[in-house]
PDB file of N, CA and C in Angstrom:
ATOM      1  N   MET A   1       4.693 -48.687  15.791  1.00  0.00           N
ATOM      2  CA  MET A   1       3.564 -48.018  15.164  1.00  0.00           C
ATOM      3  C   MET A   1       2.453 -48.989  14.798  1.00  0.00           C
ATOM      4  N   GLY A   2       2.739 -50.263  14.759  1.00  0.00           N
ATOM      5  CA  GLY A   2       1.688 -51.205  14.413  1.00  0.00           C
ATOM      6  C   GLY A   2       1.720 -51.597  12.960  1.00  0.00           C
ATOM      7  N   TYR A   3       0.577 -51.558  12.326  1.00  0.00           N
ATOM      8  CA  TYR A   3       0.440 -52.001  10.949  1.00  0.00           C
ATOM      9  C   TYR A   3       1.050 -51.018   9.961  1.00  0.00           C
ATOM     10  N   VAL A   4       1.520 -51.575   8.853  1.00  0.00           N
ATOM     11  CA  VAL A   4       2.001 -50.787   7.727  1.00  0.00           C
ATOM     12  C   VAL A   4       0.976 -50.936   6.619  1.00  0.00           C
ATOM     13  N   ILE A   5       0.668 -49.858   5.949  1.00  0.00           N
ATOM     14  CA  ILE A   5      -0.281 -49.895   4.830  1.00  0.00           C
ATOM     15  C   ILE A   5       0.486 -49.591   3.549  1.00  0.00           C
ATOM     16  N   VAL A   6       0.323 -50.474   2.583  1.00  0.00           N
ATOM     17  CA  VAL A   6       0.948 -50.290   1.273  1.00  0.00           C
ATOM     18  C   VAL A   6      -0.159 -50.009   0.274  1.00  0.00           C
ATOM     19  N   MET A   7      -0.073 -48.864  -0.361  1.00  0.00           N
ATOM     20  CA  MET A   7      -1.039 -48.497  -1.396  1.00  0.00           C
ATOM     21  C   MET A   7      -0.333 -48.648  -2.738  1.00  0.00           C
ATOM     22  N   ALA A   8      -0.789 -49.604  -3.531  1.00  0.00           N
ATOM     23  CA  ALA A   8      -0.153 -49.894  -4.813  1.00  0.00           C
ATOM     24  C   ALA A   8      -1.185 -49.820  -5.923  1.00  0.00           C
ATOM     25  N   THR A   9      -0.813 -49.162  -7.009  1.00  0.00           N
ATOM     26  CA  THR A   9      -1.737 -49.026  -8.129  1.00  0.00           C
ATOM     27  C   THR A   9      -0.986 -48.757  -9.421  1.00  0.00           C
ATOM     28  N   PRO A  10      -1.514 -49.270 -10.528  1.00  0.00           N
ATOM     29  CA  PRO A  10      -1.012 -48.791 -11.809  1.00  0.00           C
ATOM     30  C   PRO A  10      -1.554 -47.386 -12.047  1.00  0.00           C
ATOM     31  N   ILE A  11      -0.861 -46.639 -12.844  1.00  0.00           N
ATOM     32  CA  ILE A  11      -1.304 -45.283 -13.154  1.00  0.00           C
ATOM     33  C   ILE A  11      -1.925 -45.286 -14.543  1.00  0.00           C
ATOM     34  N   TYR A  12      -3.144 -44.789 -14.619  1.00  0.00           N
ATOM     35  CA  TYR A  12      -3.852 -44.630 -15.889  1.00  0.00           C
ATOM     36  C   TYR A  12      -4.148 -43.157 -16.079  1.00  0.00           C
ATOM     37  N   PHE A  13      -3.674 -42.602 -17.177  1.00  0.00           N
ATOM     38  CA  PHE A  13      -3.928 -41.193 -17.489  1.00  0.00           C
ATOM     39  C   PHE A  13      -3.523 -40.280 -16.338  1.00  0.00           C
ATOM     40  N   TYR A  14      -2.345 -40.551 -15.771  1.00  0.00           N
ATOM     41  CA  TYR A  14      -1.719 -39.723 -14.737  1.00  0.00           C
ATOM     42  C   TYR A  14      -2.440 -39.734 -13.391  1.00  0.00           C
ATOM     43  N   THR A  15      -3.227 -40.747 -13.121  1.00  0.00           N
ATOM     44  CA  THR A  15      -3.884 -40.836 -11.810  1.00  0.00           C
ATOM     45  C   THR A  15      -4.076 -42.300 -11.427  1.00  0.00           C
ATOM     46  N   MET A  16      -4.555 -42.530 -10.220  1.00  0.00           N
ATOM     47  CA  MET A  16      -4.747 -43.888  -9.727  1.00  0.00           C
ATOM     48  C   MET A  16      -5.883 -44.589 -10.473  1.00  0.00           C
ATOM     49  N   ASN A  17      -5.883 -45.904 -10.402  1.00  0.00           N
ATOM     50  CA  ASN A  17      -6.977 -46.639 -11.045  1.00  0.00           C
ATOM     51  C   ASN A  17      -8.248 -46.545 -10.196  1.00  0.00           C
ATOM     52  N   ALA A  18      -9.342 -46.955 -10.768  1.00  0.00           N
ATOM     53  CA  ALA A  18     -10.645 -46.818 -10.106  1.00  0.00           C
ATOM     54  C   ALA A  18     -10.732 -47.635  -8.819  1.00  0.00           C
ATOM     55  N   GLN A  19     -10.102 -48.804  -8.798  1.00  0.00           N
ATOM     56  CA  GLN A  19     -10.164 -49.641  -7.606  1.00  0.00           C
ATOM     57  C   GLN A  19      -9.506 -48.958  -6.408  1.00  0.00           C
ATOM     58  N   MET A  20      -8.393 -48.258  -6.642  1.00  0.00           N
ATOM     59  CA  MET A  20      -7.733 -47.549  -5.541  1.00  0.00           C
ATOM     60  C   MET A  20      -8.597 -46.398  -5.054  1.00  0.00           C
ATOM     61  N   LYS A  21      -9.213 -45.681  -5.979  1.00  0.00           N
ATOM     62  CA  LYS A  21     -10.088 -44.568  -5.589  1.00  0.00           C
ATOM     63  C   LYS A  21     -11.282 -45.083  -4.786  1.00  0.00           C
ATOM     64  N   ILE A  22     -11.843 -46.202  -5.190  1.00  0.00           N
ATOM     65  CA  ILE A  22     -12.960 -46.793  -4.448  1.00  0.00           C
ATOM     66  C   ILE A  22     -12.517 -47.192  -3.039  1.00  0.00           C
ATOM     67  N   LEU A  23     -11.327 -47.793  -2.934  1.00  0.00           N
ATOM     68  CA  LEU A  23     -10.817 -48.160  -1.618  1.00  0.00           C
ATOM     69  C   LEU A  23     -10.722 -46.930  -0.718  1.00  0.00           C
ATOM     70  N   ILE A  24     -10.158 -45.855  -1.244  1.00  0.00           N
ATOM     71  CA  ILE A  24     -10.035 -44.622  -0.459  1.00  0.00           C
ATOM     72  C   ILE A  24     -11.409 -44.094  -0.078  1.00  0.00           C
ATOM     73  N   ASP A  25     -12.315 -44.022  -1.041  1.00  0.00           N
ATOM     74  CA  ASP A  25     -13.654 -43.494  -0.769  1.00  0.00           C
ATOM     75  C   ASP A  25     -14.404 -44.330   0.267  1.00  0.00           C
ATOM     76  N   ARG A  26     -14.192 -45.625   0.259  1.00  0.00           N
ATOM     77  CA  ARG A  26     -14.914 -46.496   1.196  1.00  0.00           C
ATOM     78  C   ARG A  26     -14.352 -46.455   2.607  1.00  0.00           C
ATOM     79  N   THR A  27     -13.236 -45.797   2.794  1.00  0.00           N
ATOM     80  CA  THR A  27     -12.714 -45.645   4.150  1.00  0.00           C
ATOM     81  C   THR A  27     -13.374 -44.481   4.883  1.00  0.00           C
ATOM     82  N   VAL A  28     -14.167 -43.671   4.197  1.00  0.00           N
ATOM     83  CA  VAL A  28     -14.759 -42.479   4.818  1.00  0.00           C
ATOM     84  C   VAL A  28     -15.455 -42.792   6.143  1.00  0.00           C
ATOM     85  N   PRO A  29     -16.309 -43.808   6.233  1.00  0.00           N
ATOM     86  CA  PRO A  29     -16.974 -44.047   7.521  1.00  0.00           C
ATOM     87  C   PRO A  29     -16.014 -44.449   8.644  1.00  0.00           C
ATOM     88  N   LYS A  30     -14.854 -44.958   8.291  1.00  0.00           N
ATOM     89  CA  LYS A  30     -13.926 -45.488   9.295  1.00  0.00           C
ATOM     90  C   LYS A  30     -12.563 -44.792   9.278  1.00  0.00           C
ATOM     91  N   TYR A  31     -12.407 -43.699   8.537  1.00  0.00           N
ATOM     92  CA  TYR A  31     -11.067 -43.143   8.353  1.00  0.00           C
ATOM     93  C   TYR A  31     -10.431 -42.656   9.647  1.00  0.00           C
ATOM     94  N   ILE A  32     -11.228 -42.322  10.644  1.00  0.00           N
ATOM     95  CA  ILE A  32     -10.674 -41.888  11.931  1.00  0.00           C
ATOM     96  C   ILE A  32      -9.906 -43.047  12.577  1.00  0.00           C
ATOM     97  N   GLY A  33     -10.341 -44.265  12.312  1.00  0.00           N
ATOM     98  CA  GLY A  33      -9.663 -45.432  12.851  1.00  0.00           C
ATOM     99  C   GLY A  33      -8.357 -45.764  12.147  1.00  0.00           C
ATOM    100  N   VAL A  34      -8.130 -45.170  10.997  1.00  0.00           N
ATOM    101  CA  VAL A  34      -6.885 -45.397  10.262  1.00  0.00           C
ATOM    102  C   VAL A  34      -5.898 -44.320  10.703  1.00  0.00           C
ATOM    103  N   SER A  35      -5.345 -44.508  11.876  1.00  0.00           N
ATOM    104  CA  SER A  35      -4.412 -43.524  12.418  1.00  0.00           C
ATOM    105  C   SER A  35      -3.146 -44.223  12.890  1.00  0.00           C
ATOM    106  N   SER A  36      -2.116 -43.446  13.064  1.00  0.00           N
ATOM    107  CA  SER A  36      -0.833 -43.957  13.566  1.00  0.00           C
ATOM    108  C   SER A  36      -0.318 -45.120  12.732  1.00  0.00           C
ATOM    109  N   LYS A  37      -0.401 -44.975  11.429  1.00  0.00           N
ATOM    110  CA  LYS A  37       0.075 -46.010  10.512  1.00  0.00           C
ATOM    111  C   LYS A  37       1.232 -45.474   9.686  1.00  0.00           C
ATOM    112  N   GLU A  38       2.045 -46.384   9.194  1.00  0.00           N
ATOM    113  CA  GLU A  38       3.085 -46.060   8.243  1.00  0.00           C
ATOM    114  C   GLU A  38       2.580 -46.456   6.855  1.00  0.00           C
ATOM    115  N   PHE A  39       2.815 -45.586   5.871  1.00  0.00           N
ATOM    116  CA  PHE A  39       2.349 -45.818   4.508  1.00  0.00           C
ATOM    117  C   PHE A  39       3.517 -45.911   3.536  1.00  0.00           C
ATOM    118  N   TYR A  40       3.414 -46.864   2.625  1.00  0.00           N
ATOM    119  CA  TYR A  40       4.285 -46.940   1.456  1.00  0.00           C
ATOM    120  C   TYR A  40       3.397 -46.811   0.234  1.00  0.00           C
ATOM    121  N   PHE A  41       3.907 -46.177  -0.799  1.00  0.00           N
ATOM    122  CA  PHE A  41       3.190 -46.063  -2.065  1.00  0.00           C
ATOM    123  C   PHE A  41       3.999 -46.781  -3.142  1.00  0.00           C
ATOM    124  N   ILE A  42       3.335 -47.624  -3.902  1.00  0.00           N
ATOM    125  CA  ILE A  42       3.962 -48.294  -5.042  1.00  0.00           C
ATOM    126  C   ILE A  42       3.120 -47.966  -6.269  1.00  0.00           C
ATOM    127  N   VAL A  43       3.768 -47.407  -7.273  1.00  0.00           N
ATOM    128  CA  VAL A  43       3.065 -47.034  -8.495  1.00  0.00           C
ATOM    129  C   VAL A  43       3.845 -47.534  -9.701  1.00  0.00           C
ATOM    130  N   ASN A  44       3.127 -47.883 -10.749  1.00  0.00           N
ATOM    131  CA  ASN A  44       3.793 -48.232 -11.998  1.00  0.00           C
ATOM    132  C   ASN A  44       3.016 -47.664 -13.173  1.00  0.00           C
ATOM    133  N   ALA A  45       3.772 -47.350 -14.211  1.00  0.00           N
ATOM    134  CA  ALA A  45       3.167 -46.756 -15.404  1.00  0.00           C
ATOM    135  C   ALA A  45       4.041 -47.028 -16.617  1.00  0.00           C
ATOM    136  N   GLY A  46       3.440 -46.912 -17.779  1.00  0.00           N
ATOM    137  CA  GLY A  46       4.183 -47.058 -19.018  1.00  0.00           C
ATOM    138  C   GLY A  46       5.123 -45.897 -19.272  1.00  0.00           C
ATOM    139  N   ASN A  47       4.812 -44.767 -18.701  1.00  0.00           N
ATOM    140  CA  ASN A  47       5.645 -43.578 -18.838  1.00  0.00           C
ATOM    141  C   ASN A  47       6.956 -43.797 -18.091  1.00  0.00           C
ATOM    142  N   SER A  48       8.041 -43.305 -18.628  1.00  0.00           N
ATOM    143  CA  SER A  48       9.339 -43.534 -17.989  1.00  0.00           C
ATOM    144  C   SER A  48       9.787 -42.383 -17.089  1.00  0.00           C
ATOM    145  N   ARG A  49       8.971 -41.361 -16.918  1.00  0.00           N
ATOM    146  CA  ARG A  49       9.349 -40.218 -16.076  1.00  0.00           C
ATOM    147  C   ARG A  49       8.632 -40.262 -14.736  1.00  0.00           C
ATOM    148  N   LYS A  50       9.393 -40.233 -13.653  1.00  0.00           N
ATOM    149  CA  LYS A  50       8.798 -40.204 -12.314  1.00  0.00           C
ATOM    150  C   LYS A  50       7.946 -38.955 -12.130  1.00  0.00           C
ATOM    151  N   SER A  51       8.372 -37.858 -12.732  1.00  0.00           N
ATOM    152  CA  SER A  51       7.640 -36.605 -12.553  1.00  0.00           C
ATOM    153  C   SER A  51       6.202 -36.710 -13.044  1.00  0.00           C
ATOM    154  N   SER A  52       5.956 -37.560 -14.015  1.00  0.00           N
ATOM    155  CA  SER A  52       4.587 -37.715 -14.524  1.00  0.00           C
ATOM    156  C   SER A  52       3.704 -38.501 -13.553  1.00  0.00           C
ATOM    157  N   MET A  53       4.308 -39.127 -12.559  1.00  0.00           N
ATOM    158  CA  MET A  53       3.558 -39.909 -11.583  1.00  0.00           C
ATOM    159  C   MET A  53       3.205 -39.101 -10.336  1.00  0.00           C
ATOM    160  N   GLU A  54       3.736 -37.922 -10.224  1.00  0.00           N
ATOM    161  CA  GLU A  54       3.536 -37.133  -9.007  1.00  0.00           C
ATOM    162  C   GLU A  54       2.074 -36.748  -8.772  1.00  0.00           C
ATOM    163  N   ARG A  55       1.293 -36.570  -9.823  1.00  0.00           N
ATOM    164  CA  ARG A  55      -0.126 -36.255  -9.646  1.00  0.00           C
ATOM    165  C   ARG A  55      -0.831 -37.363  -8.874  1.00  0.00           C
ATOM    166  N   MET A  56      -0.488 -38.599  -9.178  1.00  0.00           N
ATOM    167  CA  MET A  56      -1.100 -39.726  -8.481  1.00  0.00           C
ATOM    168  C   MET A  56      -0.627 -39.771  -7.030  1.00  0.00           C
ATOM    169  N   ILE A  57       0.648 -39.537  -6.803  1.00  0.00           N
ATOM    170  CA  ILE A  57       1.176 -39.540  -5.439  1.00  0.00           C
ATOM    171  C   ILE A  57       0.498 -38.453  -4.615  1.00  0.00           C
ATOM    172  N   GLU A  58       0.243 -37.315  -5.214  1.00  0.00           N
ATOM    173  CA  GLU A  58      -0.454 -36.246  -4.494  1.00  0.00           C
ATOM    174  C   GLU A  58      -1.872 -36.670  -4.131  1.00  0.00           C
ATOM    175  N   GLY A  59      -2.499 -37.506  -4.947  1.00  0.00           N
ATOM    176  CA  GLY A  59      -3.811 -38.056  -4.596  1.00  0.00           C
ATOM    177  C   GLY A  59      -3.735 -38.932  -3.354  1.00  0.00           C
ATOM    178  N   ASP A  60      -2.705 -39.774  -3.276  1.00  0.00           N
ATOM    179  CA  ASP A  60      -2.501 -40.591  -2.077  1.00  0.00           C
ATOM    180  C   ASP A  60      -2.238 -39.709  -0.863  1.00  0.00           C
ATOM    181  N   ARG A  61      -1.432 -38.698  -1.073  1.00  0.00           N
ATOM    182  CA  ARG A  61      -1.122 -37.794   0.042  1.00  0.00           C
ATOM    183  C   ARG A  61      -2.357 -37.011   0.484  1.00  0.00           C
ATOM    184  N   GLY A  62      -3.244 -36.712  -0.453  1.00  0.00           N
ATOM    185  CA  GLY A  62      -4.497 -36.062  -0.089  1.00  0.00           C
ATOM    186  C   GLY A  62      -5.302 -36.930   0.855  1.00  0.00           C
ATOM    187  N   PHE A  63      -5.253 -38.221   0.623  1.00  0.00           N
ATOM    188  CA  PHE A  63      -5.929 -39.171   1.508  1.00  0.00           C
ATOM    189  C   PHE A  63      -5.236 -39.228   2.865  1.00  0.00           C
ATOM    190  N   THR A  64      -3.923 -39.416   2.861  1.00  0.00           N
ATOM    191  CA  THR A  64      -3.222 -39.606   4.131  1.00  0.00           C
ATOM    192  C   THR A  64      -3.171 -38.340   4.980  1.00  0.00           C
ATOM    193  N   CYS A  65      -3.258 -37.166   4.360  1.00  0.00           N
ATOM    194  CA  CYS A  65      -3.235 -35.945   5.175  1.00  0.00           C
ATOM    195  C   CYS A  65      -4.537 -35.778   5.959  1.00  0.00           C
ATOM    196  N   CYS A  66      -5.574 -36.516   5.604  1.00  0.00           N
ATOM    197  CA  CYS A  66      -6.832 -36.483   6.353  1.00  0.00           C
ATOM    198  C   CYS A  66      -6.806 -37.440   7.535  1.00  0.00           C
ATOM    199  N   LEU A  67      -5.752 -38.228   7.646  1.00  0.00           N
ATOM    200  CA  LEU A  67      -5.634 -39.211   8.708  1.00  0.00           C
ATOM    201  C   LEU A  67      -4.779 -38.652   9.838  1.00  0.00           C
ATOM    202  N   SER A  68      -4.855 -39.272  10.977  1.00  0.00           N
ATOM    203  CA  SER A  68      -4.150 -38.787  12.159  1.00  0.00           C
ATOM    204  C   SER A  68      -2.849 -39.559  12.393  1.00  0.00           C
ATOM    205  N   SER A  69      -1.781 -38.835  12.550  1.00  0.00           N
ATOM    206  CA  SER A  69      -0.485 -39.399  12.950  1.00  0.00           C
ATOM    207  C   SER A  69       0.030 -40.474  12.002  1.00  0.00           C
ATOM    208  N   VAL A  70      -0.091 -40.250  10.697  1.00  0.00           N
ATOM    209  CA  VAL A  70       0.461 -41.205   9.741  1.00  0.00           C
ATOM    210  C   VAL A  70       1.833 -40.733   9.289  1.00  0.00           C
ATOM    211  N   LYS A  71       2.610 -41.670   8.802  1.00  0.00           N
ATOM    212  CA  LYS A  71       3.953 -41.346   8.343  1.00  0.00           C
ATOM    213  C   LYS A  71       4.180 -41.979   6.981  1.00  0.00           C
ATOM    214  N   GLU A  72       4.578 -41.175   6.009  1.00  0.00           N
ATOM    215  CA  GLU A  72       4.930 -41.689   4.694  1.00  0.00           C
ATOM    216  C   GLU A  72       6.346 -42.237   4.779  1.00  0.00           C
ATOM    217  N   LYS A  73       6.491 -43.524   4.517  1.00  0.00           N
ATOM    218  CA  LYS A  73       7.783 -44.187   4.655  1.00  0.00           C
ATOM    219  C   LYS A  73       8.552 -44.282   3.351  1.00  0.00           C
ATOM    220  N   GLY A  74       7.843 -44.293   2.217  1.00  0.00           N
ATOM    221  CA  GLY A  74       8.566 -44.395   0.965  1.00  0.00           C
ATOM    222  C   GLY A  74       7.658 -44.535  -0.236  1.00  0.00           C
ATOM    223  N   ILE A  75       8.252 -44.248  -1.385  1.00  0.00           N
ATOM    224  CA  ILE A  75       7.553 -44.389  -2.663  1.00  0.00           C
ATOM    225  C   ILE A  75       8.423 -45.249  -3.565  1.00  0.00           C
ATOM    226  N   ILE A  76       7.808 -46.226  -4.186  1.00  0.00           N
ATOM    227  CA  ILE A  76       8.504 -47.067  -5.148  1.00  0.00           C
ATOM    228  C   ILE A  76       7.859 -46.838  -6.501  1.00  0.00           C
ATOM    229  N   TYR A  77       8.676 -46.388  -7.461  1.00  0.00           N
ATOM    230  CA  TYR A  77       8.205 -46.062  -8.799  1.00  0.00           C
ATOM    231  C   TYR A  77       8.581 -47.180  -9.770  1.00  0.00           C
ATOM    232  N   GLY A  78       7.588 -47.705 -10.458  1.00  0.00           N
ATOM    233  CA  GLY A  78       7.833 -48.649 -11.546  1.00  0.00           C
ATOM    234  C   GLY A  78       7.599 -47.917 -12.854  1.00  0.00           C
ATOM    235  N   THR A  79       8.646 -47.362 -13.415  1.00  0.00           N
ATOM    236  CA  THR A  79       8.500 -46.552 -14.629  1.00  0.00           C
ATOM    237  C   THR A  79       8.770 -47.388 -15.876  1.00  0.00           C
ATOM    238  N   GLY A  80       8.107 -47.039 -16.954  1.00  0.00           N
ATOM    239  CA  GLY A  80       8.324 -47.699 -18.229  1.00  0.00           C
ATOM    240  C   GLY A  80       7.786 -49.115 -18.305  1.00  0.00           C
ATOM    241  N   VAL A  81       6.809 -49.441 -17.487  1.00  0.00           N
ATOM    242  CA  VAL A  81       6.240 -50.786 -17.452  1.00  0.00           C
ATOM    243  C   VAL A  81       4.988 -50.801 -18.329  1.00  0.00           C
ATOM    244  N   HIS A  82       5.017 -51.615 -19.378  1.00  0.00           N
ATOM    245  CA  HIS A  82       3.887 -51.645 -20.316  1.00  0.00           C
ATOM    246  C   HIS A  82       3.108 -52.950 -20.266  1.00  0.00           C
ATOM    247  N   GLY A  83       3.784 -54.064 -20.218  1.00  0.00           N
ATOM    248  CA  GLY A  83       3.104 -55.346 -20.352  1.00  0.00           C
ATOM    249  C   GLY A  83       3.054 -56.146 -19.069  1.00  0.00           C
ATOM    250  N   VAL A  84       2.241 -57.174 -19.095  1.00  0.00           N
ATOM    251  CA  VAL A  84       2.084 -58.066 -17.955  1.00  0.00           C
ATOM    252  C   VAL A  84       3.423 -58.747 -17.660  1.00  0.00           C
ATOM    253  N   GLY A  85       3.822 -58.728 -16.404  1.00  0.00           N
ATOM    254  CA  GLY A  85       5.042 -59.389 -15.986  1.00  0.00           C
ATOM    255  C   GLY A  85       6.318 -58.586 -16.146  1.00  0.00           C
ATOM    256  N   GLU A  86       6.272 -57.470 -16.878  1.00  0.00           N
ATOM    257  CA  GLU A  86       7.478 -56.661 -17.089  1.00  0.00           C
ATOM    258  C   GLU A  86       8.027 -56.092 -15.795  1.00  0.00           C
ATOM    259  N   PHE A  87       7.158 -55.840 -14.854  1.00  0.00           N
ATOM    260  CA  PHE A  87       7.548 -55.229 -13.584  1.00  0.00           C
ATOM    261  C   PHE A  87       8.656 -56.028 -12.905  1.00  0.00           C
ATOM    262  N   LYS A  88       8.626 -57.341 -13.075  1.00  0.00           N
ATOM    263  CA  LYS A  88       9.585 -58.219 -12.412  1.00  0.00           C
ATOM    264  C   LYS A  88      11.017 -57.989 -12.879  1.00  0.00           C
ATOM    265  N   ARG A  89      11.200 -57.441 -14.065  1.00  0.00           N
ATOM    266  CA  ARG A  89      12.539 -57.259 -14.617  1.00  0.00           C
ATOM    267  C   ARG A  89      13.178 -55.938 -14.211  1.00  0.00           C
ATOM    268  N   TYR A  90      12.477 -55.105 -13.537  1.00  0.00           N
ATOM    269  CA  TYR A  90      12.964 -53.771 -13.212  1.00  0.00           C
ATOM    270  C   TYR A  90      13.546 -53.740 -11.800  1.00  0.00           C
ATOM    271  N   PRO A  91      14.434 -52.787 -11.511  1.00  0.00           N
ATOM    272  CA  PRO A  91      15.007 -52.680 -10.163  1.00  0.00           C
ATOM    273  C   PRO A  91      13.959 -52.368  -9.102  1.00  0.00           C
ATOM    274  N   THR A  92      12.784 -52.018  -9.533  1.00  0.00           N
ATOM    275  CA  THR A  92      11.698 -51.705  -8.616  1.00  0.00           C
ATOM    276  C   THR A  92      11.374 -52.895  -7.720  1.00  0.00           C
ATOM    277  N   MET A  93      11.482 -54.089  -8.246  1.00  0.00           N
ATOM    278  CA  MET A  93      11.203 -55.280  -7.443  1.00  0.00           C
ATOM    279  C   MET A  93      12.190 -55.380  -6.278  1.00  0.00           C
ATOM    280  N   GLN A  94      13.462 -55.076  -6.526  1.00  0.00           N
ATOM    281  CA  GLN A  94      14.450 -55.108  -5.463  1.00  0.00           C
ATOM    282  C   GLN A  94      14.167 -54.014  -4.436  1.00  0.00           C
ATOM    283  N   GLN A  95      13.737 -52.839  -4.898  1.00  0.00           N
ATOM    284  CA  GLN A  95      13.381 -51.757  -3.987  1.00  0.00           C
ATOM    285  C   GLN A  95      12.233 -52.175  -3.080  1.00  0.00           C
ATOM    286  N   ALA A  96      11.227 -52.821  -3.644  1.00  0.00           N
ATOM    287  CA  ALA A  96      10.084 -53.282  -2.848  1.00  0.00           C
ATOM    288  C   ALA A  96      10.535 -54.333  -1.837  1.00  0.00           C
ATOM    289  N   TYR A  97      11.413 -55.221  -2.263  1.00  0.00           N
ATOM    290  CA  TYR A  97      11.931 -56.249  -1.369  1.00  0.00           C
ATOM    291  C   TYR A  97      12.689 -55.633  -0.202  1.00  0.00           C
ATOM    292  N   GLU A  98      13.540 -54.653  -0.500  1.00  0.00           N
ATOM    293  CA  GLU A  98      14.316 -53.990   0.551  1.00  0.00           C
ATOM    294  C   GLU A  98      13.400 -53.216   1.512  1.00  0.00           C
ATOM    295  N   ALA A  99      12.372 -52.558   0.978  1.00  0.00           N
ATOM    296  CA  ALA A  99      11.418 -51.846   1.826  1.00  0.00           C
ATOM    297  C   ALA A  99      10.707 -52.815   2.749  1.00  0.00           C
ATOM    298  N   ASN A 100      10.350 -53.977   2.229  1.00  0.00           N
ATOM    299  CA  ASN A 100       9.678 -55.002   3.037  1.00  0.00           C
ATOM    300  C   ASN A 100      10.574 -55.467   4.191  1.00  0.00           C
ATOM    301  N   LYS A 101      11.849 -55.633   3.924  1.00  0.00           N
ATOM    302  CA  LYS A 101      12.760 -56.082   4.979  1.00  0.00           C
ATOM    303  C   LYS A 101      12.897 -55.033   6.080  1.00  0.00           C
ATOM    304  N   ALA A 102      12.722 -53.761   5.722  1.00  0.00           N
ATOM    305  CA  ALA A 102      12.872 -52.674   6.694  1.00  0.00           C
ATOM    306  C   ALA A 102      11.654 -52.527   7.599  1.00  0.00           C
ATOM    307  N   VAL A 103      10.557 -53.174   7.248  1.00  0.00           N
ATOM    308  CA  VAL A 103       9.321 -53.014   8.029  1.00  0.00           C
ATOM    309  C   VAL A 103       9.396 -53.810   9.304  1.00  0.00           C
TER     310      VAL A 103
END
């Protein structure tokens, strides 16, 4: 399939951060060229419930459904992450590592 695209963002107020939204918006002139790719989503939030992150994932899916022949390969949830560096202590890091090896 070629390149893999990883979309990673912290979640603020149940949605993606502004930088991720800008990245998506700036693909508009070239989005037809973003086809036949595999996508992974990595999200982290202070909230400990995965269900509260689904609104953000649906935003990513809204983007990818406008693309041609893409495949969602996986979602990695970093739940309950509040401070800088905390992400490293969670099993999420191992999940990301394993996903990377599968690419």
